[in-house]
Amino acid sequence: MNDDTIADLKQFISTTVGQATASLKTELGETLKVELSDVIKTEINVLRQEMQDGFAGVADAITPVHDDLANHERRIIKLEQQAA
């Protein structure tokens, strides 16, 4: 083997490894994009559900307060009418 043959082999190996690495990188990148996209969608849906549950809890907490205020308003009106 002479220096030219060794240089040609080095270039061949380098090119082959580079192409294989690029192909693998592309395949892994696409797989990761899909998996990451699925994870993000799942997490967004979980967050959306938690927010809806939280808002429902707020509405449930506000309703008794609103009802109490309405009852107090009726009682005040009755007291005002009795006083008049």
PDB file of N, CA and C in Angstrom:
ATOM      1  N   MET A   1       0.836  -1.180   0.000  1.00  0.00           N
ATOM      2  CA  MET A   1       0.000   0.000   0.000  1.00  0.00           C
ATOM      3  C   MET A   1       0.878   1.240   0.000  1.00  0.00           C
ATOM      4  N   ASN A   2       0.526   2.130  -0.874  1.00  0.00           N
ATOM      5  CA  ASN A   2       1.283   3.378  -0.904  1.00  0.00           C
ATOM      6  C   ASN A   2       0.466   4.500  -0.264  1.00  0.00           C
ATOM      7  N   ASP A   3       1.028   5.676  -0.189  1.00  0.00           N
ATOM      8  CA  ASP A   3       0.381   6.817   0.470  1.00  0.00           C
ATOM      9  C   ASP A   3      -0.911   7.219  -0.227  1.00  0.00           C
ATOM     10  N   ASP A   4      -0.961   7.117  -1.548  1.00  0.00           N
ATOM     11  CA  ASP A   4      -2.182   7.481  -2.272  1.00  0.00           C
ATOM     12  C   ASP A   4      -3.337   6.531  -1.940  1.00  0.00           C
ATOM     13  N   THR A   5      -3.033   5.266  -1.843  1.00  0.00           N
ATOM     14  CA  THR A   5      -4.059   4.270  -1.507  1.00  0.00           C
ATOM     15  C   THR A   5      -4.569   4.510  -0.092  1.00  0.00           C
ATOM     16  N   ILE A   6      -3.662   4.773   0.824  1.00  0.00           N
ATOM     17  CA  ILE A   6      -4.057   5.054   2.216  1.00  0.00           C
ATOM     18  C   ILE A   6      -4.897   6.328   2.277  1.00  0.00           C
ATOM     19  N   ALA A   7      -4.532   7.341   1.547  1.00  0.00           N
ATOM     20  CA  ALA A   7      -5.303   8.591   1.522  1.00  0.00           C
ATOM     21  C   ALA A   7      -6.692   8.341   0.945  1.00  0.00           C
ATOM     22  N   ASP A   8      -6.760   7.525  -0.136  1.00  0.00           N
ATOM     23  CA  ASP A   8      -8.054   7.182  -0.726  1.00  0.00           C
ATOM     24  C   ASP A   8      -8.925   6.414   0.257  1.00  0.00           C
ATOM     25  N   LEU A   9      -8.337   5.473   0.990  1.00  0.00           N
ATOM     26  CA  LEU A   9      -9.083   4.709   1.996  1.00  0.00           C
ATOM     27  C   LEU A   9      -9.587   5.618   3.119  1.00  0.00           C
ATOM     28  N   LYS A  10      -8.743   6.520   3.562  1.00  0.00           N
ATOM     29  CA  LYS A  10      -9.152   7.471   4.609  1.00  0.00           C
ATOM     30  C   LYS A  10     -10.340   8.303   4.130  1.00  0.00           C
ATOM     31  N   GLN A  11     -10.247   8.786   2.897  1.00  0.00           N
ATOM     32  CA  GLN A  11     -11.332   9.607   2.352  1.00  0.00           C
ATOM     33  C   GLN A  11     -12.605   8.775   2.216  1.00  0.00           C
ATOM     34  N   PHE A  12     -12.480   7.535   1.738  1.00  0.00           N
ATOM     35  CA  PHE A  12     -13.638   6.648   1.594  1.00  0.00           C
ATOM     36  C   PHE A  12     -14.291   6.386   2.948  1.00  0.00           C
ATOM     37  N   ILE A  13     -13.461   6.053   3.939  1.00  0.00           N
ATOM     38  CA  ILE A  13     -13.987   5.775   5.285  1.00  0.00           C
ATOM     39  C   ILE A  13     -14.634   7.019   5.865  1.00  0.00           C
ATOM     40  N   SER A  14     -13.988   8.144   5.708  1.00  0.00           N
ATOM     41  CA  SER A  14     -14.528   9.396   6.229  1.00  0.00           C
ATOM     42  C   SER A  14     -15.867   9.719   5.584  1.00  0.00           C
ATOM     43  N   THR A  15     -15.967   9.576   4.272  1.00  0.00           N
ATOM     44  CA  THR A  15     -17.204   9.858   3.551  1.00  0.00           C
ATOM     45  C   THR A  15     -18.308   8.886   3.962  1.00  0.00           C
ATOM     46  N   THR A  16     -17.970   7.611   4.031  1.00  0.00           N
ATOM     47  CA  THR A  16     -18.951   6.585   4.406  1.00  0.00           C
ATOM     48  C   THR A  16     -19.483   6.828   5.818  1.00  0.00           C
ATOM     49  N   VAL A  17     -18.585   7.065   6.749  1.00  0.00           N
ATOM     50  CA  VAL A  17     -18.996   7.330   8.130  1.00  0.00           C
ATOM     51  C   VAL A  17     -19.805   8.623   8.205  1.00  0.00           C
ATOM     52  N   GLY A  18     -19.397   9.637   7.470  1.00  0.00           N
ATOM     53  CA  GLY A  18     -20.123  10.915   7.463  1.00  0.00           C
ATOM     54  C   GLY A  18     -21.539  10.757   6.940  1.00  0.00           C
ATOM     55  N   GLN A  19     -21.695   9.989   5.854  1.00  0.00           N
ATOM     56  CA  GLN A  19     -23.028   9.771   5.292  1.00  0.00           C
ATOM     57  C   GLN A  19     -23.901   8.960   6.243  1.00  0.00           C
ATOM     58  N   ALA A  20     -23.329   7.923   6.825  1.00  0.00           N
ATOM     59  CA  ALA A  20     -24.079   7.096   7.775  1.00  0.00           C
ATOM     60  C   ALA A  20     -24.495   7.913   8.991  1.00  0.00           C
ATOM     61  N   THR A  21     -23.594   8.738   9.470  1.00  0.00           N
ATOM     62  CA  THR A  21     -23.889   9.587  10.625  1.00  0.00           C
ATOM     63  C   THR A  21     -24.981  10.595  10.285  1.00  0.00           C
ATOM     64  N   ALA A  22     -24.902  11.195   9.105  1.00  0.00           N
ATOM     65  CA  ALA A  22     -25.916  12.167   8.684  1.00  0.00           C
ATOM     66  C   ALA A  22     -27.275  11.503   8.561  1.00  0.00           C
ATOM     67  N   SER A  23     -27.300  10.305   7.984  1.00  0.00           N
ATOM     68  CA  SER A  23     -28.553   9.570   7.837  1.00  0.00           C
ATOM     69  C   SER A  23     -29.137   9.220   9.194  1.00  0.00           C
ATOM     70  N   LEU A  24     -28.301   8.724  10.083  1.00  0.00           N
ATOM     71  CA  LEU A  24     -28.735   8.378  11.433  1.00  0.00           C
ATOM     72  C   LEU A  24     -29.230   9.615  12.168  1.00  0.00           C
ATOM     73  N   LYS A  25     -28.510  10.711  12.020  1.00  0.00           N
ATOM     74  CA  LYS A  25     -28.876  11.978  12.658  1.00  0.00           C
ATOM     75  C   LYS A  25     -30.246  12.437  12.167  1.00  0.00           C
ATOM     76  N   THR A  26     -30.481  12.316  10.860  1.00  0.00           N
ATOM     77  CA  THR A  26     -31.775  12.709  10.291  1.00  0.00           C
ATOM     78  C   THR A  26     -32.888  11.823  10.831  1.00  0.00           C
ATOM     79  N   GLU A  27     -32.664  10.509  10.842  1.00  0.00           N
ATOM     80  CA  GLU A  27     -33.682   9.584  11.341  1.00  0.00           C
ATOM     81  C   GLU A  27     -33.980   9.836  12.818  1.00  0.00           C
ATOM     82  N   LEU A  28     -32.942   9.996  13.611  1.00  0.00           N
ATOM     83  CA  LEU A  28     -33.134  10.267  15.035  1.00  0.00           C
ATOM     84  C   LEU A  28     -33.841  11.598  15.250  1.00  0.00           C
ATOM     85  N   GLY A  29     -33.452  12.581  14.454  1.00  0.00           N
ATOM     86  CA  GLY A  29     -34.080  13.894  14.569  1.00  0.00           C
ATOM     87  C   GLY A  29     -35.565  13.832  14.292  1.00  0.00           C
ATOM     88  N   GLU A  30     -35.951  13.114  13.252  1.00  0.00           N
ATOM     89  CA  GLU A  30     -37.374  12.981  12.918  1.00  0.00           C
ATOM     90  C   GLU A  30     -38.120  12.224  14.014  1.00  0.00           C
ATOM     91  N   THR A  31     -37.509  11.155  14.521  1.00  0.00           N
ATOM     92  CA  THR A  31     -38.129  10.383  15.591  1.00  0.00           C
ATOM     93  C   THR A  31     -38.302  11.244  16.837  1.00  0.00           C
ATOM     94  N   LEU A  32     -37.278  11.989  17.183  1.00  0.00           N
ATOM     95  CA  LEU A  32     -37.360  12.853  18.365  1.00  0.00           C
ATOM     96  C   LEU A  32     -38.402  13.938  18.190  1.00  0.00           C
ATOM     97  N   LYS A  33     -38.492  14.495  16.979  1.00  0.00           N
ATOM     98  CA  LYS A  33     -39.501  15.528  16.733  1.00  0.00           C
ATOM     99  C   LYS A  33     -40.900  14.982  16.954  1.00  0.00           C
ATOM    100  N   VAL A  34     -41.154  13.783  16.426  1.00  0.00           N
ATOM    101  CA  VAL A  34     -42.475  13.174  16.572  1.00  0.00           C
ATOM    102  C   VAL A  34     -42.759  12.873  18.037  1.00  0.00           C
ATOM    103  N   GLU A  35     -41.778  12.253  18.725  1.00  0.00           N
ATOM    104  CA  GLU A  35     -41.982  11.908  20.128  1.00  0.00           C
ATOM    105  C   GLU A  35     -42.126  13.155  20.987  1.00  0.00           C
ATOM    106  N   LEU A  36     -41.327  14.154  20.728  1.00  0.00           N
ATOM    107  CA  LEU A  36     -41.411  15.394  21.490  1.00  0.00           C
ATOM    108  C   LEU A  36     -42.744  16.082  21.236  1.00  0.00           C
ATOM    109  N   SER A  37     -43.183  16.065  20.002  1.00  0.00           N
ATOM    110  CA  SER A  37     -44.474  16.654  19.659  1.00  0.00           C
ATOM    111  C   SER A  37     -45.601  15.947  20.414  1.00  0.00           C
ATOM    112  N   ASP A  38     -45.540  14.612  20.474  1.00  0.00           N
ATOM    113  CA  ASP A  38     -46.557  13.859  21.208  1.00  0.00           C
ATOM    114  C   ASP A  38     -46.532  14.188  22.686  1.00  0.00           C
ATOM    115  N   VAL A  39     -45.332  14.305  23.253  1.00  0.00           N
ATOM    116  CA  VAL A  39     -45.201  14.635  24.676  1.00  0.00           C
ATOM    117  C   VAL A  39     -45.770  16.027  24.951  1.00  0.00           C
ATOM    118  N   ILE A  40     -45.451  16.973  24.082  1.00  0.00           N
ATOM    119  CA  ILE A  40     -45.942  18.337  24.264  1.00  0.00           C
ATOM    120  C   ILE A  40     -47.463  18.371  24.175  1.00  0.00           C
ATOM    121  N   LYS A  41     -48.023  17.682  23.188  1.00  0.00           N
ATOM    122  CA  LYS A  41     -49.486  17.645  23.056  1.00  0.00           C
ATOM    123  C   LYS A  41     -50.127  17.042  24.295  1.00  0.00           C
ATOM    124  N   THR A  42     -49.551  15.958  24.797  1.00  0.00           N
ATOM    125  CA  THR A  42     -50.085  15.316  25.993  1.00  0.00           C
ATOM    126  C   THR A  42     -50.020  16.258  27.187  1.00  0.00           C
ATOM    127  N   GLU A  43     -48.884  16.917  27.371  1.00  0.00           N
ATOM    128  CA  GLU A  43     -48.727  17.832  28.502  1.00  0.00           C
ATOM    129  C   GLU A  43     -49.676  19.023  28.392  1.00  0.00           C
ATOM    130  N   ILE A  44     -49.868  19.524  27.177  1.00  0.00           N
ATOM    131  CA  ILE A  44     -50.800  20.638  26.982  1.00  0.00           C
ATOM    132  C   ILE A  44     -52.215  20.202  27.335  1.00  0.00           C
ATOM    133  N   ASN A  45     -52.590  18.990  26.928  1.00  0.00           N
ATOM    134  CA  ASN A  45     -53.930  18.495  27.257  1.00  0.00           C
ATOM    135  C   ASN A  45     -54.103  18.313  28.757  1.00  0.00           C
ATOM    136  N   VAL A  46     -53.064  17.826  29.430  1.00  0.00           N
ATOM    137  CA  VAL A  46     -53.126  17.678  30.888  1.00  0.00           C
ATOM    138  C   VAL A  46     -53.277  19.053  31.539  1.00  0.00           C
ATOM    139  N   LEU A  47     -52.483  20.010  31.095  1.00  0.00           N
ATOM    140  CA  LEU A  47     -52.557  21.366  31.640  1.00  0.00           C
ATOM    141  C   LEU A  47     -53.933  21.980  31.386  1.00  0.00           C
ATOM    142  N   ARG A  48     -54.459  21.791  30.181  1.00  0.00           N
ATOM    143  CA  ARG A  48     -55.789  22.310  29.841  1.00  0.00           C
ATOM    144  C   ARG A  48     -56.847  21.729  30.785  1.00  0.00           C
ATOM    145  N   GLN A  49     -56.777  20.426  31.028  1.00  0.00           N
ATOM    146  CA  GLN A  49     -57.746  19.786  31.915  1.00  0.00           C
ATOM    147  C   GLN A  49     -57.603  20.304  33.342  1.00  0.00           C
ATOM    148  N   GLU A  50     -56.370  20.466  33.805  1.00  0.00           N
ATOM    149  CA  GLU A  50     -56.150  20.987  35.159  1.00  0.00           C
ATOM    150  C   GLU A  50     -56.693  22.406  35.292  1.00  0.00           C
ATOM    151  N   MET A  51     -56.524  23.208  34.249  1.00  0.00           N
ATOM    152  CA  MET A  51     -57.051  24.579  34.283  1.00  0.00           C
ATOM    153  C   MET A  51     -58.576  24.559  34.313  1.00  0.00           C
ATOM    154  N   GLN A  52     -59.190  23.692  33.511  1.00  0.00           N
ATOM    155  CA  GLN A  52     -60.647  23.605  33.508  1.00  0.00           C
ATOM    156  C   GLN A  52     -61.160  23.162  34.871  1.00  0.00           C
ATOM    157  N   ASP A  53     -60.483  22.180  35.464  1.00  0.00           N
ATOM    158  CA  ASP A  53     -60.871  21.728  36.801  1.00  0.00           C
ATOM    159  C   ASP A  53     -60.711  22.846  37.827  1.00  0.00           C
ATOM    160  N   GLY A  54     -59.628  23.605  37.702  1.00  0.00           N
ATOM    161  CA  GLY A  54     -59.398  24.717  38.628  1.00  0.00           C
ATOM    162  C   GLY A  54     -60.452  25.799  38.491  1.00  0.00           C
ATOM    163  N   PHE A  55     -60.804  26.133  37.244  1.00  0.00           N
ATOM    164  CA  PHE A  55     -61.841  27.145  37.029  1.00  0.00           C
ATOM    165  C   PHE A  55     -63.191  26.656  37.535  1.00  0.00           C
ATOM    166  N   ALA A  56     -63.461  25.367  37.351  1.00  0.00           N
ATOM    167  CA  ALA A  56     -64.715  24.812  37.861  1.00  0.00           C
ATOM    168  C   ALA A  56     -64.736  24.913  39.385  1.00  0.00           C
ATOM    169  N   GLY A  57     -63.588  24.668  40.007  1.00  0.00           N
ATOM    170  CA  GLY A  57     -63.502  24.786  41.464  1.00  0.00           C
ATOM    171  C   GLY A  57     -63.747  26.213  41.931  1.00  0.00           C
ATOM    172  N   VAL A  58     -63.244  27.181  41.176  1.00  0.00           N
ATOM    173  CA  VAL A  58     -63.472  28.586  41.513  1.00  0.00           C
ATOM    174  C   VAL A  58     -64.956  28.910  41.406  1.00  0.00           C
ATOM    175  N   ALA A  59     -65.577  28.443  40.329  1.00  0.00           N
ATOM    176  CA  ALA A  59     -67.007  28.691  40.150  1.00  0.00           C
ATOM    177  C   ALA A  59     -67.804  28.054  41.289  1.00  0.00           C
ATOM    178  N   ASP A  60     -67.425  26.846  41.679  1.00  0.00           N
ATOM    179  CA  ASP A  60     -68.117  26.178  42.792  1.00  0.00           C
ATOM    180  C   ASP A  60     -67.937  26.950  44.094  1.00  0.00           C
ATOM    181  N   ALA A  61     -66.768  27.546  44.277  1.00  0.00           N
ATOM    182  CA  ALA A  61     -66.506  28.296  45.502  1.00  0.00           C
ATOM    183  C   ALA A  61     -67.254  29.627  45.507  1.00  0.00           C
ATOM    184  N   ILE A  62     -67.422  30.234  44.352  1.00  0.00           N
ATOM    185  CA  ILE A  62     -68.084  31.538  44.269  1.00  0.00           C
ATOM    186  C   ILE A  62     -69.599  31.412  44.419  1.00  0.00           C
ATOM    187  N   THR A  63     -70.187  30.346  43.944  1.00  0.00           N
ATOM    188  CA  THR A  63     -71.647  30.189  43.948  1.00  0.00           C
ATOM    189  C   THR A  63     -72.240  30.324  45.351  1.00  0.00           C
ATOM    190  N   PRO A  64     -71.709  29.642  46.379  1.00  0.00           N
ATOM    191  CA  PRO A  64     -72.295  29.823  47.721  1.00  0.00           C
ATOM    192  C   PRO A  64     -72.161  31.262  48.225  1.00  0.00           C
ATOM    193  N   VAL A  65     -71.067  31.910  47.916  1.00  0.00           N
ATOM    194  CA  VAL A  65     -70.891  33.304  48.336  1.00  0.00           C
ATOM    195  C   VAL A  65     -71.942  34.176  47.664  1.00  0.00           C
ATOM    196  N   HIS A  66     -72.157  33.957  46.390  1.00  0.00           N
ATOM    197  CA  HIS A  66     -73.179  34.722  45.660  1.00  0.00           C
ATOM    198  C   HIS A  66     -74.560  34.467  46.254  1.00  0.00           C
ATOM    199  N   ASP A  67     -74.858  33.204  46.567  1.00  0.00           N
ATOM    200  CA  ASP A  67     -76.151  32.873  47.167  1.00  0.00           C
ATOM    201  C   ASP A  67     -76.297  33.529  48.532  1.00  0.00           C
ATOM    202  N   ASP A  68     -75.228  33.528  49.323  1.00  0.00           N
ATOM    203  CA  ASP A  68     -75.273  34.180  50.640  1.00  0.00           C
ATOM    204  C   ASP A  68     -75.539  35.673  50.498  1.00  0.00           C
ATOM    205  N   LEU A  69     -74.886  36.318  49.528  1.00  0.00           N
ATOM    206  CA  LEU A  69     -75.110  37.751  49.311  1.00  0.00           C
ATOM    207  C   LEU A  69     -76.542  38.024  48.902  1.00  0.00           C
ATOM    208  N   ALA A  70     -77.107  37.177  48.063  1.00  0.00           N
ATOM    209  CA  ALA A  70     -78.503  37.352  47.648  1.00  0.00           C
ATOM    210  C   ALA A  70     -79.428  37.196  48.849  1.00  0.00           C
ATOM    211  N   ASN A  71     -79.145  36.223  49.722  1.00  0.00           N
ATOM    212  CA  ASN A  71     -79.958  36.032  50.927  1.00  0.00           C
ATOM    213  C   ASN A  71     -79.836  37.243  51.849  1.00  0.00           C
ATOM    214  N   HIS A  72     -78.645  37.774  52.014  1.00  0.00           N
ATOM    215  CA  HIS A  72     -78.448  38.951  52.859  1.00  0.00           C
ATOM    216  C   HIS A  72     -79.206  40.145  52.281  1.00  0.00           C
ATOM    217  N   GLU A  73     -79.175  40.284  50.980  1.00  0.00           N
ATOM    218  CA  GLU A  73     -79.884  41.408  50.357  1.00  0.00           C
ATOM    219  C   GLU A  73     -81.383  41.305  50.626  1.00  0.00           C
ATOM    220  N   ARG A  74     -81.946  40.104  50.506  1.00  0.00           N
ATOM    221  CA  ARG A  74     -83.382  39.915  50.797  1.00  0.00           C
ATOM    222  C   ARG A  74     -83.693  40.241  52.259  1.00  0.00           C
ATOM    223  N   ARG A  75     -82.819  39.794  53.151  1.00  0.00           N
ATOM    224  CA  ARG A  75     -83.056  40.044  54.578  1.00  0.00           C
ATOM    225  C   ARG A  75     -82.981  41.544  54.885  1.00  0.00           C
ATOM    226  N   ILE A  76     -82.027  42.238  54.257  1.00  0.00           N
ATOM    227  CA  ILE A  76     -81.898  43.689  54.486  1.00  0.00           C
ATOM    228  C   ILE A  76     -83.155  44.404  53.985  1.00  0.00           C
ATOM    229  N   ILE A  77     -83.634  43.998  52.812  1.00  0.00           N
ATOM    230  CA  ILE A  77     -84.850  44.636  52.253  1.00  0.00           C
ATOM    231  C   ILE A  77     -86.019  44.413  53.203  1.00  0.00           C
ATOM    232  N   LYS A  78     -86.172  43.208  53.766  1.00  0.00           N
ATOM    233  CA  LYS A  78     -87.261  42.931  54.702  1.00  0.00           C
ATOM    234  C   LYS A  78     -87.124  43.801  55.949  1.00  0.00           C
ATOM    235  N   LEU A  79     -85.883  43.918  56.470  1.00  0.00           N
ATOM    236  CA  LEU A  79     -85.675  44.743  57.654  1.00  0.00           C
ATOM    237  C   LEU A  79     -86.001  46.211  57.357  1.00  0.00           C
ATOM    238  N   GLU A  80     -85.609  46.688  56.168  1.00  0.00           N
ATOM    239  CA  GLU A  80     -85.909  48.078  55.808  1.00  0.00           C
ATOM    240  C   GLU A  80     -87.419  48.288  55.707  1.00  0.00           C
ATOM    241  N   GLN A  81     -88.108  47.312  55.140  1.00  0.00           N
ATOM    242  CA  GLN A  81     -89.565  47.442  55.003  1.00  0.00           C
ATOM    243  C   GLN A  81     -90.223  47.427  56.372  1.00  0.00           C
ATOM    244  N   GLN A  82     -89.746  46.585  57.284  1.00  0.00           N
ATOM    245  CA  GLN A  82     -90.305  46.529  58.632  1.00  0.00           C
ATOM    246  C   GLN A  82     -90.046  47.833  59.377  1.00  0.00           C
ATOM    247  N   ALA A  83     -88.902  48.445  59.156  1.00  0.00           N
ATOM    248  CA  ALA A  83     -88.546  49.665  59.858  1.00  0.00           C
ATOM    249  C   ALA A  83     -89.348  50.851  59.341  1.00  0.00           C
ATOM    250  N   ALA A  84     -89.772  50.787  58.109  1.00  0.00           N
ATOM    251  CA  ALA A  84     -90.494  51.908  57.505  1.00  0.00           C
ATOM    252  C   ALA A  84     -91.904  51.944  57.928  1.00  0.00           C
TER     253      ALA A  84
END
